[in-house]
Every structure is written in C-alpha cells, then in structure tokens.
C-alpha atoms as a PDB file:
ATOM      1  CA  MET A   1       0.239   0.290  -0.047  1.00  0.00           C
ATOM      2  CA  GLU A   2       2.914   2.725   0.988  1.00  0.00           C
ATOM      3  CA  ILE A   3       4.440   2.246  -2.717  1.00  0.00           C
ATOM      4  CA  LEU A   4       1.211   2.499  -4.224  1.00  0.00           C
ATOM      5  CA  LYS A   5       0.883   5.950  -2.109  1.00  0.00           C
ATOM      6  CA  ARG A   6       4.011   7.378  -3.424  1.00  0.00           C
ATOM      7  CA  ASN A   7       4.157   6.256  -7.096  1.00  0.00           C
ATOM      8  CA  TYR A   8       0.535   5.165  -7.809  1.00  0.00           C
ATOM      9  CA  PRO A   9      -1.724   6.978  -5.985  1.00  0.00           C
ATOM     10  CA  GLN A  10      -4.562   7.458  -8.356  1.00  0.00           C
ATOM     11  CA  TYR A  11      -5.677   4.077  -7.785  1.00  0.00           C
ATOM     12  CA  LEU A  12      -6.063   4.444  -4.528  1.00  0.00           C
ATOM     13  CA  ILE A  13      -9.998   4.581  -4.076  1.00  0.00           C
ATOM     14  CA  PHE A  14     -12.075   5.144  -1.550  1.00  0.00           C
ATOM     15  CA  ASP A  15     -15.119   2.124  -1.753  1.00  0.00           C
ATOM     16  CA  LYS A  16     -18.157   2.913  -0.195  1.00  0.00           C
ATOM     17  CA  VAL A  17     -19.205  -0.895  -0.077  1.00  0.00           C
ATOM     18  CA  PHE A  18     -15.986  -2.010   2.096  1.00  0.00           C
ATOM     19  CA  ASN A  19     -16.024   1.516   3.864  1.00  0.00           C
ATOM     20  CA  ARG A  20     -12.693   1.539   3.210  1.00  0.00           C
ATOM     21  CA  VAL A  21      -9.398   2.958   0.534  1.00  0.00           C
ATOM     22  CA  LEU A  22      -8.795   0.069  -2.209  1.00  0.00           C
ATOM     23  CA  CYS A  23      -6.617  -0.925  -4.875  1.00  0.00           C
ATOM     24  CA  ILE A  24      -8.815  -0.210  -7.642  1.00  0.00           C
ATOM     25  CA  VAL A  25      -8.206   0.270 -11.446  1.00  0.00           C
ATOM     26  CA  LYS A  26     -10.902   1.526 -14.128  1.00  0.00           C
ATOM     27  CA  ASN A  27     -11.400  -0.989 -16.892  1.00  0.00           C
ATOM     28  CA  SER A  28     -10.615   1.401 -19.402  1.00  0.00           C
ATOM     29  CA  GLU A  29      -6.796   1.108 -18.000  1.00  0.00           C
ATOM     30  CA  ILE A  30      -6.219  -2.306 -18.095  1.00  0.00           C
ATOM     31  CA  LEU A  31      -4.277  -3.266 -21.429  1.00  0.00           C
ATOM     32  CA  ARG A  32      -4.509  -6.899 -20.589  1.00  0.00           C
ATOM     33  CA  SER A  33      -6.008  -9.327 -18.377  1.00  0.00           C
ATOM     34  CA  TYR A  34      -4.731 -13.042 -17.222  1.00  0.00           C
ATOM     35  CA  ARG A  35      -6.982 -16.291 -17.115  1.00  0.00           C
ATOM     36  CA  ALA A  36      -5.358 -18.922 -15.004  1.00  0.00           C
ATOM     37  CA  LYS A  37      -7.559 -21.118 -17.456  1.00  0.00           C
ATOM     38  CA  ASP A  38      -7.162 -20.216 -20.868  1.00  0.00           C
ATOM     39  CA  TYR A  39      -3.253 -20.430 -19.745  1.00  0.00           C
ATOM     40  CA  LEU A  40      -3.739 -23.656 -19.178  1.00  0.00           C
ATOM     41  CA  LYS A  41      -5.022 -24.705 -22.622  1.00  0.00           C
ATOM     42  CA  GLU A  42      -3.035 -22.669 -24.052  1.00  0.00           C
ATOM     43  CA  LEU A  43      -0.035 -24.327 -22.407  1.00  0.00           C
ATOM     44  CA  SER A  44      -0.705 -27.699 -22.844  1.00  0.00           C
ATOM     45  CA  LYS A  45      -0.692 -27.229 -26.765  1.00  0.00           C
ATOM     46  CA  ARG A  46       3.219 -25.996 -26.588  1.00  0.00           C
ATOM     47  CA  GLU A  47       5.876 -28.700 -27.767  1.00  0.00           C
ATOM     48  CA  LYS A  48       8.703 -26.880 -25.622  1.00  0.00           C
ATOM     49  CA  LEU A  49       8.324 -26.383 -21.935  1.00  0.00           C
ATOM     50  CA  LYS A  50       9.959 -25.357 -18.888  1.00  0.00           C
ATOM     51  CA  GLU A  51      10.602 -27.972 -16.090  1.00  0.00           C
ATOM     52  CA  ILE A  52       8.246 -26.068 -14.194  1.00  0.00           C
ATOM     53  CA  GLU A  53       5.872 -25.936 -16.880  1.00  0.00           C
ATOM     54  CA  GLU A  54       6.441 -29.530 -17.114  1.00  0.00           C
ATOM     55  CA  ARG A  55       5.811 -30.515 -13.486  1.00  0.00           C
ATOM     56  CA  ALA A  56       2.680 -28.533 -13.408  1.00  0.00           C
ATOM     57  CA  LEU A  57       1.537 -30.371 -16.283  1.00  0.00           C
ATOM     58  CA  GLU A  58       1.984 -33.436 -14.967  1.00  0.00           C
ATOM     59  CA  LEU A  59       0.195 -32.332 -11.192  1.00  0.00           C
ATOM     60  CA  ILE A  60      -2.689 -31.719 -13.031  1.00  0.00           C
ATOM     61  CA  ASP A  61      -2.831 -34.588 -15.504  1.00  0.00           C
ATOM     62  CA  LEU A  62      -2.456 -36.430 -12.798  1.00  0.00           C
ATOM     63  CA  LEU A  63      -5.313 -34.882  -9.976  1.00  0.00           C
ATOM     64  CA  ARG A  64      -7.789 -34.989 -13.208  1.00  0.00           C
ATOM     65  CA  ARG A  65      -7.573 -38.537 -13.858  1.00  0.00           C
ATOM     66  CA  GLU A  66      -7.311 -39.769 -10.059  1.00  0.00           C
ATOM     67  CA  ALA A  67     -10.606 -37.196 -10.015  1.00  0.00           C
ATOM     68  CA  ASN A  68     -12.161 -37.974 -13.485  1.00  0.00           C
ATOM     69  CA  LEU A  69     -12.313 -34.377 -14.115  1.00  0.00           C
ATOM     70  CA  ASN A  70     -11.365 -32.067 -17.319  1.00  0.00           C
ATOM     71  CA  TYR A  71      -8.887 -29.612 -17.533  1.00  0.00           C
ATOM     72  CA  GLU A  72     -11.779 -27.426 -17.448  1.00  0.00           C
ATOM     73  CA  SER A  73     -11.806 -27.603 -13.527  1.00  0.00           C
ATOM     74  CA  PHE A  74      -8.025 -26.525 -13.482  1.00  0.00           C
ATOM     75  CA  GLY A  75      -6.525 -23.526 -14.065  1.00  0.00           C
ATOM     76  CA  LEU A  76      -2.559 -22.273 -13.673  1.00  0.00           C
ATOM     77  CA  SER A  77      -1.520 -19.128 -11.608  1.00  0.00           C
ATOM     78  CA  GLY A  78       1.404 -17.664 -10.152  1.00  0.00           C
ATOM     79  CA  SER A  79       4.639 -17.027 -11.578  1.00  0.00           C
ATOM     80  CA  CYS A  80       3.897 -19.298 -14.726  1.00  0.00           C
ATOM     81  CA  LEU A  81       0.861 -17.457 -15.901  1.00  0.00           C
ATOM     82  CA  LEU A  82       2.707 -14.697 -16.222  1.00  0.00           C
ATOM     83  CA  ASN A  83       6.199 -15.529 -17.668  1.00  0.00           C
ATOM     84  CA  LEU A  84       8.136 -14.941 -14.579  1.00  0.00           C
ATOM     85  CA  SER A  85       8.945 -18.455 -13.508  1.00  0.00           C
ATOM     86  CA  ARG A  86      12.501 -19.129 -12.543  1.00  0.00           C
ATOM     87  CA  GLU A  87      14.131 -22.580 -11.565  1.00  0.00           C
ATOM     88  CA  ASN A  88      13.149 -22.476  -8.120  1.00  0.00           C
ATOM     89  CA  SER A  89       9.624 -21.240  -9.017  1.00  0.00           C
ATOM     90  CA  ASP A  90       6.045 -23.373  -6.844  1.00  0.00           C
ATOM     91  CA  ILE A  91       3.334 -24.942  -8.750  1.00  0.00           C
ATOM     92  CA  ASP A  92       0.258 -22.397  -8.196  1.00  0.00           C
ATOM     93  CA  LEU A  93      -2.995 -24.156  -9.290  1.00  0.00           C
ATOM     94  CA  LEU A  94      -6.754 -23.682  -9.310  1.00  0.00           C
ATOM     95  CA  VAL A  95      -9.541 -25.918  -9.044  1.00  0.00           C
ATOM     96  CA  TYR A  96     -12.540 -24.260 -10.216  1.00  0.00           C
ATOM     97  CA  GLY A  97     -16.496 -25.478  -8.538  1.00  0.00           C
ATOM     98  CA  GLU A  98     -17.537 -27.110  -5.479  1.00  0.00           C
ATOM     99  CA  LYS A  99     -17.757 -30.492  -6.539  1.00  0.00           C
ATOM    100  CA  GLU A 100     -15.142 -30.355  -8.438  1.00  0.00           C
ATOM    101  CA  SER A 101     -12.650 -28.995  -5.735  1.00  0.00           C
ATOM    102  CA  TYR A 102     -13.926 -31.752  -3.195  1.00  0.00           C
ATOM    103  CA  LYS A 103     -13.087 -34.509  -5.765  1.00  0.00           C
ATOM    104  CA  VAL A 104      -9.604 -33.518  -6.242  1.00  0.00           C
ATOM    105  CA  TYR A 105      -9.823 -32.826  -1.824  1.00  0.00           C
ATOM    106  CA  GLU A 106      -9.985 -36.304  -1.414  1.00  0.00           C
ATOM    107  CA  VAL A 107      -7.794 -37.621  -4.050  1.00  0.00           C
ATOM    108  CA  LEU A 108      -5.278 -35.214  -2.177  1.00  0.00           C
ATOM    109  CA  LYS A 109      -5.326 -37.246   0.572  1.00  0.00           C
ATOM    110  CA  GLU A 110      -4.717 -40.287  -0.841  1.00  0.00           C
ATOM    111  CA  LEU A 111      -2.027 -39.296  -2.984  1.00  0.00           C
ATOM    112  CA  PHE A 112       0.277 -38.096  -0.156  1.00  0.00           C
ATOM    113  CA  LYS A 113       0.329 -41.399   1.097  1.00  0.00           C
ATOM    114  CA  GLY A 114       2.671 -42.123  -1.693  1.00  0.00           C
ATOM    115  CA  VAL A 115       3.474 -39.707  -4.722  1.00  0.00           C
ATOM    116  CA  LEU A 116       3.168 -36.393  -2.803  1.00  0.00           C
ATOM    117  CA  ARG A 117       5.175 -35.225   0.419  1.00  0.00           C
ATOM    118  CA  PRO A 118       4.596 -33.253   2.932  1.00  0.00           C
ATOM    119  CA  ILE A 119       7.139 -29.207   2.317  1.00  0.00           C
ATOM    120  CA  ASN A 120      10.194 -30.865   4.056  1.00  0.00           C
ATOM    121  CA  SER A 121      11.845 -27.826   5.525  1.00  0.00           C
ATOM    122  CA  TRP A 122       9.305 -26.465   7.709  1.00  0.00           C
ATOM    123  CA  GLU A 123      11.686 -23.585   9.230  1.00  0.00           C
ATOM    124  CA  ASP A 124      12.586 -22.646   5.813  1.00  0.00           C
ATOM    125  CA  PHE A 125       8.299 -22.106   5.056  1.00  0.00           C
ATOM    126  CA  TYR A 126       8.268 -20.504   8.139  1.00  0.00           C
ATOM    127  CA  LYS A 127      10.203 -17.961   7.486  1.00  0.00           C
ATOM    128  CA  ARG A 128       9.002 -17.298   4.103  1.00  0.00           C
ATOM    129  CA  ARG A 129       5.340 -16.973   5.505  1.00  0.00           C
ATOM    130  CA  ASP A 130       6.021 -14.917   7.841  1.00  0.00           C
ATOM    131  CA  SER A 131       4.213 -15.913  10.351  1.00  0.00           C
ATOM    132  CA  PHE A 132       2.297 -14.825  13.979  1.00  0.00           C
ATOM    133  CA  MET A 133       2.578 -18.064  15.140  1.00  0.00           C
ATOM    134  CA  ASP A 134       5.630 -19.440  16.786  1.00  0.00           C
ATOM    135  CA  LEU A 135       7.083 -22.217  14.705  1.00  0.00           C
ATOM    136  CA  LYS A 136       5.484 -25.109  16.722  1.00  0.00           C
ATOM    137  CA  ALA A 137       2.081 -24.034  15.759  1.00  0.00           C
ATOM    138  CA  PHE A 138       2.851 -23.349  12.526  1.00  0.00           C
ATOM    139  CA  ILE A 139       4.189 -26.549  11.824  1.00  0.00           C
ATOM    140  CA  PHE A 140       1.184 -28.242  13.078  1.00  0.00           C
ATOM    141  CA  HIS A 141      -1.212 -26.708  11.291  1.00  0.00           C
ATOM    142  CA  GLU A 142       0.401 -26.427   8.048  1.00  0.00           C
ATOM    143  CA  SER A 143       1.317 -30.044   8.534  1.00  0.00           C
ATOM    144  CA  ARG A 144      -2.134 -31.364   8.167  1.00  0.00           C
ATOM    145  CA  LYS A 145      -3.105 -29.264   5.111  1.00  0.00           C
ATOM    146  CA  PHE A 146      -3.158 -31.220   1.737  1.00  0.00           C
ATOM    147  CA  GLN A 147      -3.455 -28.121  -0.161  1.00  0.00           C
ATOM    148  CA  GLU A 148      -0.187 -27.686  -0.438  1.00  0.00           C
ATOM    149  CA  GLY A 149       3.076 -29.850  -0.368  1.00  0.00           C
ATOM    150  CA  LYS A 150       5.757 -31.494  -2.545  1.00  0.00           C
ATOM    151  CA  PHE A 151       5.466 -32.744  -6.090  1.00  0.00           C
ATOM    152  CA  LYS A 152       8.424 -34.880  -7.404  1.00  0.00           C
ATOM    153  CA  ASP A 153      11.002 -31.609  -6.765  1.00  0.00           C
ATOM    154  CA  LYS A 154       9.047 -28.606  -6.622  1.00  0.00           C
ATOM    155  CA  GLU A 155       6.737 -27.273  -4.062  1.00  0.00           C
ATOM    156  CA  PHE A 156       2.582 -26.816  -4.714  1.00  0.00           C
ATOM    157  CA  PHE A 157       0.105 -24.823  -3.557  1.00  0.00           C
ATOM    158  CA  ILE A 158      -3.598 -25.253  -4.689  1.00  0.00           C
ATOM    159  CA  ARG A 159      -6.929 -23.371  -3.595  1.00  0.00           C
ATOM    160  CA  PHE A 160     -10.061 -24.265  -4.302  1.00  0.00           C
ATOM    161  CA  ILE A 161     -11.819 -22.033  -6.175  1.00  0.00           C
ATOM    162  CA  LYS A 162     -16.124 -22.398  -4.906  1.00  0.00           C
ATOM    163  CA  ASN A 163     -17.839 -20.684  -8.190  1.00  0.00           C
ATOM    164  CA  ASP A 164     -16.225 -18.192 -10.884  1.00  0.00           C
ATOM    165  CA  LYS A 165     -19.780 -16.424 -10.469  1.00  0.00           C
ATOM    166  CA  ARG A 166     -19.549 -12.771 -10.118  1.00  0.00           C
ATOM    167  CA  GLU A 167     -21.411 -11.991  -6.396  1.00  0.00           C
ATOM    168  CA  LYS A 168     -23.960  -8.607  -6.637  1.00  0.00           C
ATOM    169  CA  TYR A 169     -22.321  -5.601  -5.596  1.00  0.00           C
ATOM    170  CA  GLY A 170     -23.398  -4.087  -3.273  1.00  0.00           C
ATOM    171  CA  LYS A 171     -25.761  -6.679  -1.989  1.00  0.00           C
ATOM    172  CA  GLU A 172     -23.770  -6.531   1.512  1.00  0.00           C
ATOM    173  CA  ILE A 173     -22.111  -3.282   3.251  1.00  0.00           C
ATOM    174  CA  TYR A 174     -19.086  -3.880   5.368  1.00  0.00           C
ATOM    175  CA  LEU A 175     -18.310  -2.026   8.156  1.00  0.00           C
ATOM    176  CA  TYR A 176     -15.323  -1.578  10.150  1.00  0.00           C
ATOM    177  CA  LYS A 177     -15.229  -2.154  13.809  1.00  0.00           C
ATOM    178  CA  GLY A 178     -11.883  -2.408  15.496  1.00  0.00           C
ATOM    179  CA  TYR A 179      -9.288  -5.208  16.245  1.00  0.00           C
ATOM    180  CA  VAL A 180     -10.001  -8.586  18.290  1.00  0.00           C
ATOM    181  CA  ARG A 181      -8.499 -11.430  19.729  1.00  0.00           C
ATOM    182  CA  ILE A 182     -11.420 -14.143  20.107  1.00  0.00           C
ATOM    183  CA  LYS A 183     -11.372 -17.345  21.440  1.00  0.00           C
ATOM    184  CA  ALA A 184     -14.591 -20.032  19.815  1.00  0.00           C
ATOM    185  CA  LYS A 185     -15.469 -23.415  18.148  1.00  0.00           C
ATOM    186  CA  VAL A 186     -15.712 -23.988  14.608  1.00  0.00           C
ATOM    187  CA  THR A 187     -19.283 -25.340  14.257  1.00  0.00           C
ATOM    188  CA  ASP A 188     -19.019 -25.708  10.025  1.00  0.00           C
ATOM    189  CA  ASP A 189     -15.633 -25.987   8.648  1.00  0.00           C
ATOM    190  CA  TYR A 190     -17.293 -26.964   4.748  1.00  0.00           C
ATOM    191  CA  GLU A 191     -15.699 -23.615   3.062  1.00  0.00           C
ATOM    192  CA  SER A 192     -12.370 -23.567   4.941  1.00  0.00           C
ATOM    193  CA  ILE A 193     -10.973 -25.152   1.779  1.00  0.00           C
ATOM    194  CA  PHE A 194     -12.149 -22.520  -0.233  1.00  0.00           C
ATOM    195  CA  THR A 195     -10.631 -19.185  -0.948  1.00  0.00           C
ATOM    196  CA  PRO A 196     -11.729 -17.116   0.104  1.00  0.00           C
ATOM    197  CA  CYS A 197     -12.316 -19.770   3.142  1.00  0.00           C
ATOM    198  CA  CYS A 198     -14.874 -19.786   5.655  1.00  0.00           C
ATOM    199  CA  TYR A 199     -15.696 -21.022   9.039  1.00  0.00           C
ATOM    200  CA  LYS A 200     -18.829 -20.693  10.928  1.00  0.00           C
ATOM    201  CA  VAL A 201     -18.098 -20.383  14.625  1.00  0.00           C
ATOM    202  CA  SER A 202     -20.121 -20.631  18.249  1.00  0.00           C
ATOM    203  CA  GLU A 203     -19.146 -19.925  21.980  1.00  0.00           C
ATOM    204  CA  VAL A 204     -17.616 -16.723  20.671  1.00  0.00           C
ATOM    205  CA  GLU A 205     -15.697 -15.328  23.851  1.00  0.00           C
ATOM    206  CA  VAL A 206     -13.791 -11.868  22.900  1.00  0.00           C
ATOM    207  CA  LEU A 207     -10.511 -11.720  24.753  1.00  0.00           C
ATOM    208  CA  ALA A 208      -9.146  -8.198  23.648  1.00  0.00           C
ATOM    209  CA  GLY A 209     -10.994  -5.180  21.836  1.00  0.00           C
ATOM    210  CA  LEU A 210     -14.089  -4.351  21.484  1.00  0.00           C
ATOM    211  CA  LYS A 211     -16.962  -6.379  22.960  1.00  0.00           C
ATOM    212  CA  VAL A 212     -18.682  -7.488  20.173  1.00  0.00           C
ATOM    213  CA  LYS A 213     -21.726 -10.272  20.850  1.00  0.00           C
ATOM    214  CA  ASP A 214     -22.603 -11.523  17.652  1.00  0.00           C
ATOM    215  CA  ILE A 215     -19.833 -12.651  15.292  1.00  0.00           C
ATOM    216  CA  GLU A 216     -21.046 -15.809  13.448  1.00  0.00           C
ATOM    217  CA  ARG A 217     -18.075 -16.973  11.052  1.00  0.00           C
ATOM    218  CA  ILE A 218     -14.567 -16.108  10.334  1.00  0.00           C
ATOM    219  CA  ILE A 219     -13.442 -15.227   6.846  1.00  0.00           C
ATOM    220  CA  SER A 220      -9.922 -14.613   5.032  1.00  0.00           C
ATOM    221  CA  TYR A 221      -9.067 -13.815   1.451  1.00  0.00           C
ATOM    222  CA  ARG A 222      -5.239 -15.462   1.718  1.00  0.00           C
ATOM    223  CA  GLY A 223      -4.599 -18.977   0.878  1.00  0.00           C
ATOM    224  CA  ARG A 224      -3.123 -19.151   4.422  1.00  0.00           C
ATOM    225  CA  PHE A 225      -5.597 -19.871   5.964  1.00  0.00           C
ATOM    226  CA  CYS A 226      -7.433 -22.481   4.413  1.00  0.00           C
ATOM    227  CA  GLN A 227      -7.638 -25.824   6.295  1.00  0.00           C
ATOM    228  CA  GLN A 228      -6.368 -23.145   9.528  1.00  0.00           C
ATOM    229  CA  ALA A 229      -9.041 -25.308  11.967  1.00  0.00           C
ATOM    230  CA  LYS A 230     -11.657 -27.969  11.709  1.00  0.00           C
ATOM    231  CA  LEU A 231     -15.136 -28.989  12.805  1.00  0.00           C
ATOM    232  CA  ASN A 232     -16.076 -28.901  16.894  1.00  0.00           C
ATOM    233  CA  GLU A 233     -12.161 -27.465  17.205  1.00  0.00           C
ATOM    234  CA  LYS A 234     -12.022 -24.915  19.915  1.00  0.00           C
ATOM    235  CA  ILE A 235      -9.823 -21.616  18.174  1.00  0.00           C
ATOM    236  CA  LEU A 236      -8.114 -18.438  18.865  1.00  0.00           C
ATOM    237  CA  ALA A 237      -7.736 -15.394  16.216  1.00  0.00           C
ATOM    238  CA  GLN A 238      -7.224 -12.251  15.976  1.00  0.00           C
ATOM    239  CA  GLY A 239      -8.481  -9.959  13.387  1.00  0.00           C
ATOM    240  CA  ARG A 240      -9.899  -7.256  12.157  1.00  0.00           C
ATOM    241  CA  VAL A 241     -14.223  -7.359  13.147  1.00  0.00           C
ATOM    242  CA  GLU A 242     -16.779  -6.002  10.632  1.00  0.00           C
ATOM    243  CA  GLU A 243     -19.938  -5.420  10.788  1.00  0.00           C
ATOM    244  CA  VAL A 244     -21.803  -7.069   7.871  1.00  0.00           C
ATOM    245  CA  LYS A 245     -25.177  -5.071   6.871  1.00  0.00           C
ATOM    246  CA  GLY A 246     -27.768  -6.825   4.039  1.00  0.00           C
ATOM    247  CA  LYS A 247     -31.472  -5.612   3.259  1.00  0.00           C
ATOM    248  CA  ASP A 248     -32.930  -7.429   6.175  1.00  0.00           C
ATOM    249  CA  TYR A 249     -30.318  -8.799   8.487  1.00  0.00           C
ATOM    250  CA  SER A 250     -26.769  -7.802  10.048  1.00  0.00           C
ATOM    251  CA  PHE A 251     -24.117  -9.367  12.121  1.00  0.00           C
ATOM    252  CA  HIS A 252     -20.683  -9.051  12.627  1.00  0.00           C
ATOM    253  CA  GLN A 253     -17.590 -11.520  10.987  1.00  0.00           C
ATOM    254  CA  LEU A 254     -13.608 -11.962  11.828  1.00  0.00           C
ATOM    255  CA  VAL A 255     -11.317 -11.047   9.024  1.00  0.00           C
ATOM    256  CA  LEU A 256      -8.042 -12.504   8.766  1.00  0.00           C
ATOM    257  CA  GLY A 257      -5.368 -11.909   6.541  1.00  0.00           C
ATOM    258  CA  GLU A 258      -4.931  -7.892   6.057  1.00  0.00           C
ATOM    259  CA  GLU A 259      -2.229  -7.060   9.121  1.00  0.00           C
ATOM    260  CA  ARG A 260       1.043  -9.869  10.098  1.00  0.00           C
ATOM    261  CA  ARG A 261      -0.223 -10.504  13.299  1.00  0.00           C
ATOM    262  CA  ASP A 262      -3.629 -11.659  12.439  1.00  0.00           C
ATOM    263  CA  PHE A 263      -3.950 -15.564  13.311  1.00  0.00           C
ATOM    264  CA  MET A 264      -6.013 -18.548  14.024  1.00  0.00           C
ATOM    265  CA  LEU A 265      -4.787 -21.268  15.797  1.00  0.00           C
ATOM    266  CA  SER A 266      -6.728 -25.030  17.303  1.00  0.00           C
ATOM    267  CA  TYR A 267      -5.114 -24.312  21.349  1.00  0.00           C
ATOM    268  CA  GLU A 268      -6.365 -27.296  22.445  1.00  0.00           C
ATOM    269  CA  LYS A 269      -4.509 -29.292  19.951  1.00  0.00           C
ATOM    270  CA  ILE A 270      -1.029 -27.523  20.331  1.00  0.00           C
END
C-alpha cells in the first residue's frame, strides 16, 4: 500500500461498500488480463516447456485422472501465468467448482500416502510465510493441510474456487468496527478449503478489543488461512472485526489476513 501511495496514488480509492481505501483500476486502464484457465489450455498445446511447466502439467494430469475431471476444472496461476517463473518457483494451481474441488481434495488425501510429500523444510517455509505464530504452532497447522506439498522436486499450492460467478456489488455493506482477539468453537468448516475461506463459529468470547456479541463467522481471502481449523475445534483468532449489513439482516465477522499479526490456531491441539 505504501508503494502505491508514493507512486500510483490514483489507484487508491475509497470504496463505499467496503468502507475503506482499496486498490482499484478502471476497466479502461487495463491493458491485459490473465486467465488461469486459458493459460493452461495454451500451455497444454506447447511443444517446448520449462521444467516448472512440465511439472505443473504432470501434477494436473495426475489430479484430473484420479478425480475424473477435465482440464476445464483447472487453472495455472502464479509466476507461470505471468511468465516470471524461475528454477526454484513453485506450482500454483486453481481448481474451479464446489464439487470438483472436493473431488480433488479427497484425491489429495490419498496421494499424500504415496506420490505427494509434505513440505520438508518447515523452518524455511515458516520464514517465508512471516507467520505471527511460533514455529511449533505453525508446523502443527501446516502439516495437516492437503492443499500444499511437494510433487517430485517442486512445491505446489492449490487454491479451490467454489465458483467463478460474480457476486452482486453492494448486496452487503461492510463496516470496520475494530481489532479483536477471540476464543470460539468451529461449528462448520465446509468452506475452509476454498478461497476465500469461511468458518462458522459459536461460543465466541472476545478476549481483547471491542466486545462484540454476534460474531458468526471467520473469513479470509488469503490462502494461508485455508484448512487452519477443523470442525468442533476450539480456536484462538485475532483480526479485523466488521459488521456485515444486508437488506434485512446484520451480523459481525472476523476477517483474517489484513495484517501480519492476524492469526488463528486450534489451542487445544497444540
């Protein structure tokens, strides 16, 4: 944000729906858009590929065969999409669709028993993630995730997209209320694999910050918070609390990933 303030302040605009300054680019100023699905189609037809591209296609072929899906359910993002990949780049995959995502998720569970491996250098990964948690808690939470790991010699990260339909802008209004730390119980983790991810919670107790009574869910637009907690686990979480206002309803939500100090951990499991 500071770089934008200094060099491109025209792209920082106050948004009346999210009630804060966001990075917004007008359609008329967009020279090119990159689509992960389209790139994957084009890549699958190339004769000459970089090593990272070959590994990405191998991994996608493996997943789609085991899950009985076609290429339309996948996309390739990250440095490959922008033609910025290097020898040590990782593979950033997208899976589109609710049913398709859970098919791949179940396949991943089985593949981690053989061809896929967990990330083997947790200390290095911890430094790259710049996590607010201590190393022990970080390793516990990351090691039970199936969306990241190693395929042959490359690290991979998978983002599940529930659907690619656009929500109606302004259907809900989001009002910032403060920064809080809470204790709660996860009552629904079904959408925890998706980006954005969502956890429904109950038994919420505000430990620090504004005493909000009706925090109903925890959400994040950051992949690092996917699969962070499981059903019925008791968690500690810290982040931005917002009031969500619809046409005839309102409640509060905790948003993770806005600041480095944001976290969520299952405190009974550590």
